[in-house]
Amino acid sequence: MIKNWTVTTQPVRLGTDGVMMRERYLLNKIHTNHKYTDDLISIFGCAETSNRIALAGEQFRLNQQLYNHKGGRPLSSYAMEYCLTLPKGYRPSIEQWQSIVKDCCLALAKLCKLNKSEFAQYRQQIRAVLHQQKQDGTKGSGDHIHLIIGKVIGGKVLKELQQKKSTKLIKQAFNQAVLKHVGIDHRTYDPIEKEKGRRLSTWQYQYQKATEVLEIEKLIKQMQTQFDKWLKAKEAHDERQLKRQKNRLLKTYKELKIKNTSPSQTESINKIKNEII
């Protein structure tokens, strides 16, 4: 017996870049994470759905900059991702998975208390991809769904989606939906491998690593742009601009210092830092 079927949650970070990165990953058959994957199947939505999620987020971010006079951090996560996983040995049909995802999405919509127009937009920002896994052997997880739901609906952020109560709710909804549409009950399932559940979060680790790499690349690019401006200010003897860019460079350097940069990246970063000090 297990407490719940496995559900893991993760905010999709890095704004539009993060959403597009997940879209490419979900259907990438040659990705190293998909070594034990038989098939990748879209259940709901398509690349256009991810575009809608990104556009809604970008519009909200723009409005923040235009109308939010109180300051605050700009929105950097436009969606939440839920991974719904069943153990090996269970392979629901595509239609059954569609019904399961519908039930989970409806439960989350009720939690967010959406009105009619908000619910219509919410439905247009649901992306779900089924990963059918190899059922033999001990490596790899069982069949699972990557479910991405846009957080910006009707000009507001659905904060409920990133709260602990939404994780608890979707676990309950997933349990009930699997029982209703597939006929299997988590309460009667006896795990063959007691430690398997711990390894099901591998996709989260890989996602975090990929996100960190993207963050480092963006910061290095930002640092190079700032350095170019610093050089121009130095040539023009613009002391005010020189000081401004130096402060920005040092701030970016501090952010990069705590990242897991490669030796070559570290060398390039230190060269720029040594130039301005």
C-alpha atoms as a PDB file:
ATOM      1  CA  MET A   1       0.000   0.000   0.000  1.00  0.00           C
ATOM      2  CA  ILE A   2       1.157   3.534  -0.791  1.00  0.00           C
ATOM      3  CA  LYS A   3      -0.216   6.864   0.398  1.00  0.00           C
ATOM      4  CA  ASN A   4      -0.651   8.368  -3.085  1.00  0.00           C
ATOM      5  CA  TRP A   5       0.277   7.810  -6.695  1.00  0.00           C
ATOM      6  CA  THR A   6       3.365   9.897  -7.366  1.00  0.00           C
ATOM      7  CA  VAL A   7       2.899  13.601  -8.161  1.00  0.00           C
ATOM      8  CA  THR A   8       5.820  16.020  -8.301  1.00  0.00           C
ATOM      9  CA  THR A   9       5.501  19.776  -8.839  1.00  0.00           C
ATOM     10  CA  GLN A  10       7.869  22.414 -10.147  1.00  0.00           C
ATOM     11  CA  PRO A  11       7.421  26.067 -11.159  1.00  0.00           C
ATOM     12  CA  VAL A  12       8.513  26.707 -14.756  1.00  0.00           C
ATOM     13  CA  ARG A  13      11.143  29.398 -14.199  1.00  0.00           C
ATOM     14  CA  LEU A  14      12.936  31.876 -16.486  1.00  0.00           C
ATOM     15  CA  GLY A  15       9.822  33.340 -18.080  1.00  0.00           C
ATOM     16  CA  THR A  16       9.383  32.697 -21.813  1.00  0.00           C
ATOM     17  CA  ASP A  17      12.758  30.948 -22.116  1.00  0.00           C
ATOM     18  CA  GLY A  18      11.720  28.452 -19.454  1.00  0.00           C
ATOM     19  CA  VAL A  19       8.344  27.706 -21.068  1.00  0.00           C
ATOM     20  CA  MET A  20       9.929  27.173 -24.496  1.00  0.00           C
ATOM     21  CA  MET A  21      12.666  25.024 -22.989  1.00  0.00           C
ATOM     22  CA  ARG A  22      10.048  22.714 -21.443  1.00  0.00           C
ATOM     23  CA  GLU A  23       8.099  22.548 -24.723  1.00  0.00           C
ATOM     24  CA  ARG A  24      11.220  21.398 -26.593  1.00  0.00           C
ATOM     25  CA  TYR A  25      12.106  18.892 -23.873  1.00  0.00           C
ATOM     26  CA  LEU A  26       8.701  17.224 -23.662  1.00  0.00           C
ATOM     27  CA  LEU A  27       8.761  15.943 -27.255  1.00  0.00           C
ATOM     28  CA  ASN A  28      12.520  15.498 -27.682  1.00  0.00           C
ATOM     29  CA  LYS A  29      12.938  11.772 -28.387  1.00  0.00           C
ATOM     30  CA  ILE A  30      16.737  11.904 -28.390  1.00  0.00           C
ATOM     31  CA  HIS A  31      17.101  13.665 -25.034  1.00  0.00           C
ATOM     32  CA  THR A  32      19.280  11.688 -22.598  1.00  0.00           C
ATOM     33  CA  ASN A  33      16.431  11.630 -20.052  1.00  0.00           C
ATOM     34  CA  HIS A  34      14.314   9.680 -22.555  1.00  0.00           C
ATOM     35  CA  LYS A  35      16.622   6.689 -22.851  1.00  0.00           C
ATOM     36  CA  TYR A  36      13.951   4.421 -21.349  1.00  0.00           C
ATOM     37  CA  THR A  37      10.984   6.109 -23.067  1.00  0.00           C
ATOM     38  CA  ASP A  38       8.984   4.185 -25.697  1.00  0.00           C
ATOM     39  CA  ASP A  39       6.848   7.064 -26.953  1.00  0.00           C
ATOM     40  CA  LEU A  40       6.086  10.763 -26.395  1.00  0.00           C
ATOM     41  CA  ILE A  41       2.443  11.651 -27.040  1.00  0.00           C
ATOM     42  CA  SER A  42       0.657  15.015 -26.822  1.00  0.00           C
ATOM     43  CA  ILE A  43      -2.494  14.634 -24.743  1.00  0.00           C
ATOM     44  CA  PHE A  44      -3.607  18.265 -24.600  1.00  0.00           C
ATOM     45  CA  GLY A  45      -2.321  21.344 -26.371  1.00  0.00           C
ATOM     46  CA  CYS A  46       0.632  21.849 -28.710  1.00  0.00           C
ATOM     47  CA  ALA A  47       3.531  24.263 -29.202  1.00  0.00           C
ATOM     48  CA  GLU A  48       0.974  27.047 -29.736  1.00  0.00           C
ATOM     49  CA  THR A  49      -0.343  26.387 -26.213  1.00  0.00           C
ATOM     50  CA  SER A  50       3.115  27.046 -24.782  1.00  0.00           C
ATOM     51  CA  ASN A  51       3.248  30.246 -26.857  1.00  0.00           C
ATOM     52  CA  ARG A  52      -0.046  31.377 -25.297  1.00  0.00           C
ATOM     53  CA  ILE A  53       1.305  30.691 -21.807  1.00  0.00           C
ATOM     54  CA  ALA A  54       4.437  32.716 -22.583  1.00  0.00           C
ATOM     55  CA  LEU A  55       2.500  35.610 -24.171  1.00  0.00           C
ATOM     56  CA  ALA A  56       0.145  35.873 -21.182  1.00  0.00           C
ATOM     57  CA  GLY A  57       3.158  35.981 -18.885  1.00  0.00           C
ATOM     58  CA  GLU A  58       4.978  38.591 -20.973  1.00  0.00           C
ATOM     59  CA  GLN A  59       1.875  40.808 -21.103  1.00  0.00           C
ATOM     60  CA  PHE A  60       1.513  40.608 -17.320  1.00  0.00           C
ATOM     61  CA  ARG A  61       5.213  41.414 -16.867  1.00  0.00           C
ATOM     62  CA  LEU A  62       4.903  44.423 -19.196  1.00  0.00           C
ATOM     63  CA  ASN A  63       1.885  45.718 -17.253  1.00  0.00           C
ATOM     64  CA  GLN A  64       3.888  45.309 -14.055  1.00  0.00           C
ATOM     65  CA  GLN A  65       6.579  47.595 -15.431  1.00  0.00           C
ATOM     66  CA  LEU A  66       4.093  50.148 -16.772  1.00  0.00           C
ATOM     67  CA  TYR A  67       1.602  50.390 -13.927  1.00  0.00           C
ATOM     68  CA  ASN A  68       3.212  48.978 -10.784  1.00  0.00           C
ATOM     69  CA  HIS A  69       4.677  52.021  -9.060  1.00  0.00           C
ATOM     70  CA  LYS A  70       5.335  50.173  -5.802  1.00  0.00           C
ATOM     71  CA  GLY A  71       8.275  48.257  -7.248  1.00  0.00           C
ATOM     72  CA  GLY A  72       8.679  44.579  -6.448  1.00  0.00           C
ATOM     73  CA  ARG A  73      10.215  41.700  -8.346  1.00  0.00           C
ATOM     74  CA  PRO A  74       8.928  41.142 -11.919  1.00  0.00           C
ATOM     75  CA  LEU A  75       7.112  37.863 -12.561  1.00  0.00           C
ATOM     76  CA  SER A  76       9.651  35.234 -13.664  1.00  0.00           C
ATOM     77  CA  SER A  77       7.537  32.057 -13.644  1.00  0.00           C
ATOM     78  CA  TYR A  78       4.628  31.882 -16.085  1.00  0.00           C
ATOM     79  CA  ALA A  79       3.483  28.298 -15.414  1.00  0.00           C
ATOM     80  CA  MET A  80       3.472  25.345 -13.035  1.00  0.00           C
ATOM     81  CA  GLU A  81       4.474  21.835 -14.071  1.00  0.00           C
ATOM     82  CA  TYR A  82       3.011  18.714 -12.488  1.00  0.00           C
ATOM     83  CA  CYS A  83       4.370  15.238 -13.215  1.00  0.00           C
ATOM     84  CA  LEU A  84       1.746  12.492 -12.689  1.00  0.00           C
ATOM     85  CA  THR A  85       3.403   9.062 -12.518  1.00  0.00           C
ATOM     86  CA  LEU A  86       2.139   5.472 -12.319  1.00  0.00           C
ATOM     87  CA  PRO A  87       4.316   2.475 -11.424  1.00  0.00           C
ATOM     88  CA  LYS A  88       5.605   0.100 -14.086  1.00  0.00           C
ATOM     89  CA  GLY A  89       3.033  -2.476 -15.087  1.00  0.00           C
ATOM     90  CA  TYR A  90       0.211   0.032 -15.614  1.00  0.00           C
ATOM     91  CA  ARG A  91      -0.417   1.511 -19.063  1.00  0.00           C
ATOM     92  CA  PRO A  92      -3.667   3.495 -19.318  1.00  0.00           C
ATOM     93  CA  SER A  93      -4.872   4.283 -22.833  1.00  0.00           C
ATOM     94  CA  ILE A  94      -4.541   7.783 -24.286  1.00  0.00           C
ATOM     95  CA  GLU A  95      -8.279   8.305 -23.720  1.00  0.00           C
ATOM     96  CA  GLN A  96      -7.938   7.253 -20.076  1.00  0.00           C
ATOM     97  CA  TRP A  97      -5.032   9.643 -19.574  1.00  0.00           C
ATOM     98  CA  GLN A  98      -7.075  12.443 -21.150  1.00  0.00           C
ATOM     99  CA  SER A  99      -9.881  11.798 -18.652  1.00  0.00           C
ATOM    100  CA  ILE A 100      -7.394  11.704 -15.754  1.00  0.00           C
ATOM    101  CA  VAL A 101      -5.818  15.019 -16.789  1.00  0.00           C
ATOM    102  CA  LYS A 102      -9.248  16.643 -17.228  1.00  0.00           C
ATOM    103  CA  ASP A 103     -10.250  15.674 -13.691  1.00  0.00           C
ATOM    104  CA  CYS A 104      -6.984  17.015 -12.237  1.00  0.00           C
ATOM    105  CA  CYS A 105      -7.255  20.304 -14.157  1.00  0.00           C
ATOM    106  CA  LEU A 106     -10.889  20.784 -13.103  1.00  0.00           C
ATOM    107  CA  ALA A 107      -9.945  20.244  -9.454  1.00  0.00           C
ATOM    108  CA  LEU A 108      -7.233  22.927  -9.724  1.00  0.00           C
ATOM    109  CA  ALA A 109      -9.621  25.301 -11.527  1.00  0.00           C
ATOM    110  CA  LYS A 110     -12.128  24.973  -8.676  1.00  0.00           C
ATOM    111  CA  LEU A 111      -9.360  25.705  -6.178  1.00  0.00           C
ATOM    112  CA  CYS A 112      -8.557  28.934  -8.057  1.00  0.00           C
ATOM    113  CA  LYS A 113     -12.270  29.939  -8.130  1.00  0.00           C
ATOM    114  CA  LEU A 114     -12.213  30.988 -11.786  1.00  0.00           C
ATOM    115  CA  ASN A 115     -15.147  32.787 -13.392  1.00  0.00           C
ATOM    116  CA  LYS A 116     -16.469  31.792 -16.821  1.00  0.00           C
ATOM    117  CA  SER A 117     -14.103  33.929 -18.916  1.00  0.00           C
ATOM    118  CA  GLU A 118     -11.087  33.029 -16.753  1.00  0.00           C
ATOM    119  CA  PHE A 119     -11.905  29.333 -17.063  1.00  0.00           C
ATOM    120  CA  ALA A 120     -12.084  29.662 -20.864  1.00  0.00           C
ATOM    121  CA  GLN A 121      -8.553  31.122 -20.895  1.00  0.00           C
ATOM    122  CA  TYR A 122      -7.364  28.552 -18.332  1.00  0.00           C
ATOM    123  CA  ARG A 123      -8.415  25.718 -20.685  1.00  0.00           C
ATOM    124  CA  GLN A 124      -6.394  27.294 -23.497  1.00  0.00           C
ATOM    125  CA  GLN A 125      -3.238  27.246 -21.354  1.00  0.00           C
ATOM    126  CA  ILE A 126      -3.060  23.540 -20.507  1.00  0.00           C
ATOM    127  CA  ARG A 127      -0.218  21.526 -22.032  1.00  0.00           C
ATOM    128  CA  ALA A 128      -0.014  17.790 -21.317  1.00  0.00           C
ATOM    129  CA  VAL A 129       2.412  15.254 -22.805  1.00  0.00           C
ATOM    130  CA  LEU A 130       2.401  11.518 -22.054  1.00  0.00           C
ATOM    131  CA  HIS A 131       5.722   9.699 -21.725  1.00  0.00           C
ATOM    132  CA  GLN A 132       5.200   5.960 -22.182  1.00  0.00           C
ATOM    133  CA  GLN A 133       8.118   4.167 -20.553  1.00  0.00           C
ATOM    134  CA  LYS A 134       9.729   0.785 -21.086  1.00  0.00           C
ATOM    135  CA  GLN A 135       7.908  -1.599 -18.762  1.00  0.00           C
ATOM    136  CA  ASP A 136      10.688  -4.162 -18.307  1.00  0.00           C
ATOM    137  CA  GLY A 137      13.848  -3.794 -16.253  1.00  0.00           C
ATOM    138  CA  THR A 138      14.475  -1.748 -13.137  1.00  0.00           C
ATOM    139  CA  LYS A 139      15.761   1.469 -14.715  1.00  0.00           C
ATOM    140  CA  GLY A 140      13.511   4.395 -15.554  1.00  0.00           C
ATOM    141  CA  SER A 141      10.107   5.323 -14.156  1.00  0.00           C
ATOM    142  CA  GLY A 142       6.646   4.135 -15.166  1.00  0.00           C
ATOM    143  CA  ASP A 143       4.320   5.907 -17.608  1.00  0.00           C
ATOM    144  CA  HIS A 144       3.802   9.534 -16.657  1.00  0.00           C
ATOM    145  CA  ILE A 145       2.233  12.810 -17.753  1.00  0.00           C
ATOM    146  CA  HIS A 146       3.991  16.173 -17.800  1.00  0.00           C
ATOM    147  CA  LEU A 147       1.206  18.673 -17.169  1.00  0.00           C
ATOM    148  CA  ILE A 148       2.004  22.382 -17.621  1.00  0.00           C
ATOM    149  CA  ILE A 149      -0.626  24.973 -16.650  1.00  0.00           C
ATOM    150  CA  GLY A 150      -0.270  28.712 -17.278  1.00  0.00           C
ATOM    151  CA  LYS A 151      -0.315  30.819 -14.100  1.00  0.00           C
ATOM    152  CA  VAL A 152      -1.406  34.112 -15.686  1.00  0.00           C
ATOM    153  CA  ILE A 153      -5.156  34.120 -16.311  1.00  0.00           C
ATOM    154  CA  GLY A 154      -7.389  37.165 -16.789  1.00  0.00           C
ATOM    155  CA  GLY A 155      -4.542  39.555 -16.018  1.00  0.00           C
ATOM    156  CA  LYS A 156      -3.771  37.993 -12.643  1.00  0.00           C
ATOM    157  CA  VAL A 157      -1.442  35.323 -11.292  1.00  0.00           C
ATOM    158  CA  LEU A 158      -3.066  32.126  -9.986  1.00  0.00           C
ATOM    159  CA  LYS A 159      -1.023  31.990  -6.796  1.00  0.00           C
ATOM    160  CA  GLU A 160      -2.976  28.969  -5.615  1.00  0.00           C
ATOM    161  CA  LEU A 161      -1.235  26.803  -8.232  1.00  0.00           C
ATOM    162  CA  GLN A 162       2.125  27.223  -6.519  1.00  0.00           C
ATOM    163  CA  GLN A 163       0.899  26.675  -2.976  1.00  0.00           C
ATOM    164  CA  LYS A 164       1.134  23.440  -0.997  1.00  0.00           C
ATOM    165  CA  LYS A 165      -2.635  23.030  -0.990  1.00  0.00           C
ATOM    166  CA  SER A 166      -2.626  22.634  -4.784  1.00  0.00           C
ATOM    167  CA  THR A 167      -0.089  19.783  -4.539  1.00  0.00           C
ATOM    168  CA  LYS A 168      -2.233  18.074  -1.936  1.00  0.00           C
ATOM    169  CA  LEU A 169      -5.349  18.583  -4.061  1.00  0.00           C
ATOM    170  CA  ILE A 170      -3.870  17.276  -7.322  1.00  0.00           C
ATOM    171  CA  LYS A 171      -2.592  14.163  -5.518  1.00  0.00           C
ATOM    172  CA  GLN A 172      -6.123  13.464  -4.297  1.00  0.00           C
ATOM    173  CA  ALA A 173      -7.587  14.196  -7.730  1.00  0.00           C
ATOM    174  CA  PHE A 174      -5.002  11.930  -9.410  1.00  0.00           C
ATOM    175  CA  ASN A 175      -5.778   9.073  -6.975  1.00  0.00           C
ATOM    176  CA  GLN A 176      -9.520   9.378  -7.608  1.00  0.00           C
ATOM    177  CA  ALA A 177      -9.180   9.795 -11.383  1.00  0.00           C
ATOM    178  CA  VAL A 178      -6.969   6.693 -11.767  1.00  0.00           C
ATOM    179  CA  LEU A 179      -9.449   4.653  -9.741  1.00  0.00           C
ATOM    180  CA  LYS A 180     -12.416   6.034 -11.702  1.00  0.00           C
ATOM    181  CA  HIS A 181     -11.011   5.755 -15.241  1.00  0.00           C
ATOM    182  CA  VAL A 182      -8.461   2.922 -14.973  1.00  0.00           C
ATOM    183  CA  GLY A 183      -9.842   0.914 -12.072  1.00  0.00           C
ATOM    184  CA  ILE A 184      -6.666   0.700  -9.976  1.00  0.00           C
ATOM    185  CA  ASP A 185      -6.485   1.823  -6.361  1.00  0.00           C
ATOM    186  CA  HIS A 186      -3.287   3.171  -4.806  1.00  0.00           C
ATOM    187  CA  ARG A 187      -4.431   1.811  -1.432  1.00  0.00           C
ATOM    188  CA  THR A 188      -4.196  -1.791  -2.668  1.00  0.00           C
ATOM    189  CA  TYR A 189      -0.932  -1.386  -4.581  1.00  0.00           C
ATOM    190  CA  ASP A 190       2.101  -3.061  -3.011  1.00  0.00           C
ATOM    191  CA  PRO A 191       5.338  -1.543  -4.366  1.00  0.00           C
ATOM    192  CA  ILE A 192       7.781  -4.149  -5.665  1.00  0.00           C
ATOM    193  CA  GLU A 193      10.667  -1.732  -5.067  1.00  0.00           C
ATOM    194  CA  LYS A 194      10.196   0.157  -1.831  1.00  0.00           C
ATOM    195  CA  GLU A 195      12.806   2.775  -2.736  1.00  0.00           C
ATOM    196  CA  LYS A 196      11.541   3.374  -6.271  1.00  0.00           C
ATOM    197  CA  GLY A 197       9.560   6.455  -5.298  1.00  0.00           C
ATOM    198  CA  ARG A 198      12.722   8.303  -4.346  1.00  0.00           C
ATOM    199  CA  ARG A 199      14.162   7.875  -7.833  1.00  0.00           C
ATOM    200  CA  LEU A 200      11.045   9.165  -9.570  1.00  0.00           C
ATOM    201  CA  SER A 201      12.231  12.738  -8.962  1.00  0.00           C
ATOM    202  CA  THR A 202      15.116  12.337 -11.442  1.00  0.00           C
ATOM    203  CA  TRP A 203      13.271  14.505 -13.992  1.00  0.00           C
ATOM    204  CA  GLN A 204      13.151  17.288 -11.392  1.00  0.00           C
ATOM    205  CA  TYR A 205      16.911  17.079 -10.865  1.00  0.00           C
ATOM    206  CA  GLN A 206      17.550  17.187 -14.616  1.00  0.00           C
ATOM    207  CA  TYR A 207      15.137  20.093 -14.987  1.00  0.00           C
ATOM    208  CA  GLN A 208      16.869  22.039 -12.235  1.00  0.00           C
ATOM    209  CA  LYS A 209      20.276  21.412 -13.815  1.00  0.00           C
ATOM    210  CA  ALA A 210      19.060  22.569 -17.245  1.00  0.00           C
ATOM    211  CA  THR A 211      17.479  25.654 -15.674  1.00  0.00           C
ATOM    212  CA  GLU A 212      20.716  26.485 -13.846  1.00  0.00           C
ATOM    213  CA  VAL A 213      22.724  26.202 -17.089  1.00  0.00           C
ATOM    214  CA  LEU A 214      20.312  28.586 -18.819  1.00  0.00           C
ATOM    215  CA  GLU A 215      20.517  31.038 -15.891  1.00  0.00           C
ATOM    216  CA  ILE A 216      24.331  30.995 -16.041  1.00  0.00           C
ATOM    217  CA  GLU A 217      24.319  31.616 -19.813  1.00  0.00           C
ATOM    218  CA  LYS A 218      21.971  34.588 -19.420  1.00  0.00           C
ATOM    219  CA  LEU A 219      24.067  36.083 -16.600  1.00  0.00           C
ATOM    220  CA  ILE A 220      27.304  35.715 -18.595  1.00  0.00           C
ATOM    221  CA  LYS A 221      25.680  37.380 -21.597  1.00  0.00           C
ATOM    222  CA  GLN A 222      24.425  40.163 -19.305  1.00  0.00           C
ATOM    223  CA  MET A 223      27.894  40.594 -17.824  1.00  0.00           C
ATOM    224  CA  GLN A 224      29.470  40.856 -21.277  1.00  0.00           C
ATOM    225  CA  THR A 225      26.945  43.542 -22.302  1.00  0.00           C
ATOM    226  CA  GLN A 226      27.680  45.484 -19.125  1.00  0.00           C
ATOM    227  CA  PHE A 227      31.424  45.147 -19.740  1.00  0.00           C
ATOM    228  CA  ASP A 228      31.045  46.498 -23.285  1.00  0.00           C
ATOM    229  CA  LYS A 229      29.201  49.535 -21.880  1.00  0.00           C
ATOM    230  CA  TRP A 230      31.917  49.951 -19.239  1.00  0.00           C
ATOM    231  CA  LEU A 231      34.609  49.979 -21.949  1.00  0.00           C
ATOM    232  CA  LYS A 232      32.714  52.605 -23.972  1.00  0.00           C
ATOM    233  CA  ALA A 233      32.310  54.766 -20.864  1.00  0.00           C
ATOM    234  CA  LYS A 234      36.036  54.414 -20.159  1.00  0.00           C
ATOM    235  CA  GLU A 235      36.919  55.522 -23.688  1.00  0.00           C
ATOM    236  CA  ALA A 236      34.529  58.474 -23.423  1.00  0.00           C
ATOM    237  CA  HIS A 237      35.819  59.385 -19.919  1.00  0.00           C
ATOM    238  CA  ASP A 238      32.188  59.241 -18.695  1.00  0.00           C
ATOM    239  CA  GLU A 239      32.790  58.816 -14.953  1.00  0.00           C
ATOM    240  CA  ARG A 240      29.099  58.575 -14.083  1.00  0.00           C
ATOM    241  CA  GLN A 241      28.427  55.787 -16.594  1.00  0.00           C
ATOM    242  CA  LEU A 242      31.701  54.113 -15.644  1.00  0.00           C
ATOM    243  CA  LYS A 243      30.650  53.926 -12.000  1.00  0.00           C
ATOM    244  CA  ARG A 244      27.132  52.733 -12.888  1.00  0.00           C
ATOM    245  CA  GLN A 245      28.367  49.874 -15.082  1.00  0.00           C
ATOM    246  CA  LYS A 246      31.019  48.883 -12.547  1.00  0.00           C
ATOM    247  CA  ASN A 247      28.338  48.501  -9.854  1.00  0.00           C
ATOM    248  CA  ARG A 248      26.188  46.456 -12.210  1.00  0.00           C
ATOM    249  CA  LEU A 249      29.134  44.260 -13.196  1.00  0.00           C
ATOM    250  CA  LEU A 250      30.012  43.563  -9.577  1.00  0.00           C
ATOM    251  CA  LYS A 251      26.407  42.671  -8.815  1.00  0.00           C
ATOM    252  CA  THR A 252      26.287  40.220 -11.738  1.00  0.00           C
ATOM    253  CA  TYR A 253      29.663  38.820 -10.686  1.00  0.00           C
ATOM    254  CA  LYS A 254      28.314  38.084  -7.190  1.00  0.00           C
ATOM    255  CA  GLU A 255      25.333  36.251  -8.717  1.00  0.00           C
ATOM    256  CA  LEU A 256      27.628  34.141 -10.913  1.00  0.00           C
ATOM    257  CA  LYS A 257      30.053  33.432  -8.077  1.00  0.00           C
ATOM    258  CA  ILE A 258      27.512  31.210  -6.305  1.00  0.00           C
ATOM    259  CA  LYS A 259      26.595  29.346  -9.516  1.00  0.00           C
ATOM    260  CA  ASN A 260      28.172  26.078 -10.641  1.00  0.00           C
ATOM    261  CA  THR A 261      30.117  27.541 -13.579  1.00  0.00           C
ATOM    262  CA  SER A 262      32.538  25.548 -15.723  1.00  0.00           C
ATOM    263  CA  PRO A 263      36.315  26.223 -15.486  1.00  0.00           C
ATOM    264  CA  SER A 264      36.302  28.121 -18.804  1.00  0.00           C
ATOM    265  CA  GLN A 265      33.300  30.211 -17.745  1.00  0.00           C
ATOM    266  CA  THR A 266      34.942  30.988 -14.396  1.00  0.00           C
ATOM    267  CA  GLU A 267      38.123  32.092 -16.196  1.00  0.00           C
ATOM    268  CA  SER A 268      36.176  34.460 -18.502  1.00  0.00           C
ATOM    269  CA  ILE A 269      34.195  35.892 -15.585  1.00  0.00           C
ATOM    270  CA  ASN A 270      37.347  36.529 -13.544  1.00  0.00           C
ATOM    271  CA  LYS A 271      39.041  38.244 -16.511  1.00  0.00           C
ATOM    272  CA  ILE A 272      36.205  40.766 -16.721  1.00  0.00           C
ATOM    273  CA  LYS A 273      36.226  41.292 -12.954  1.00  0.00           C
ATOM    274  CA  ASN A 274      39.988  41.873 -12.920  1.00  0.00           C
ATOM    275  CA  GLU A 275      39.648  44.447 -15.715  1.00  0.00           C
ATOM    276  CA  ILE A 276      37.289  46.680 -13.748  1.00  0.00           C
ATOM    277  CA  ILE A 277      39.004  46.490 -10.357  1.00  0.00           C
END
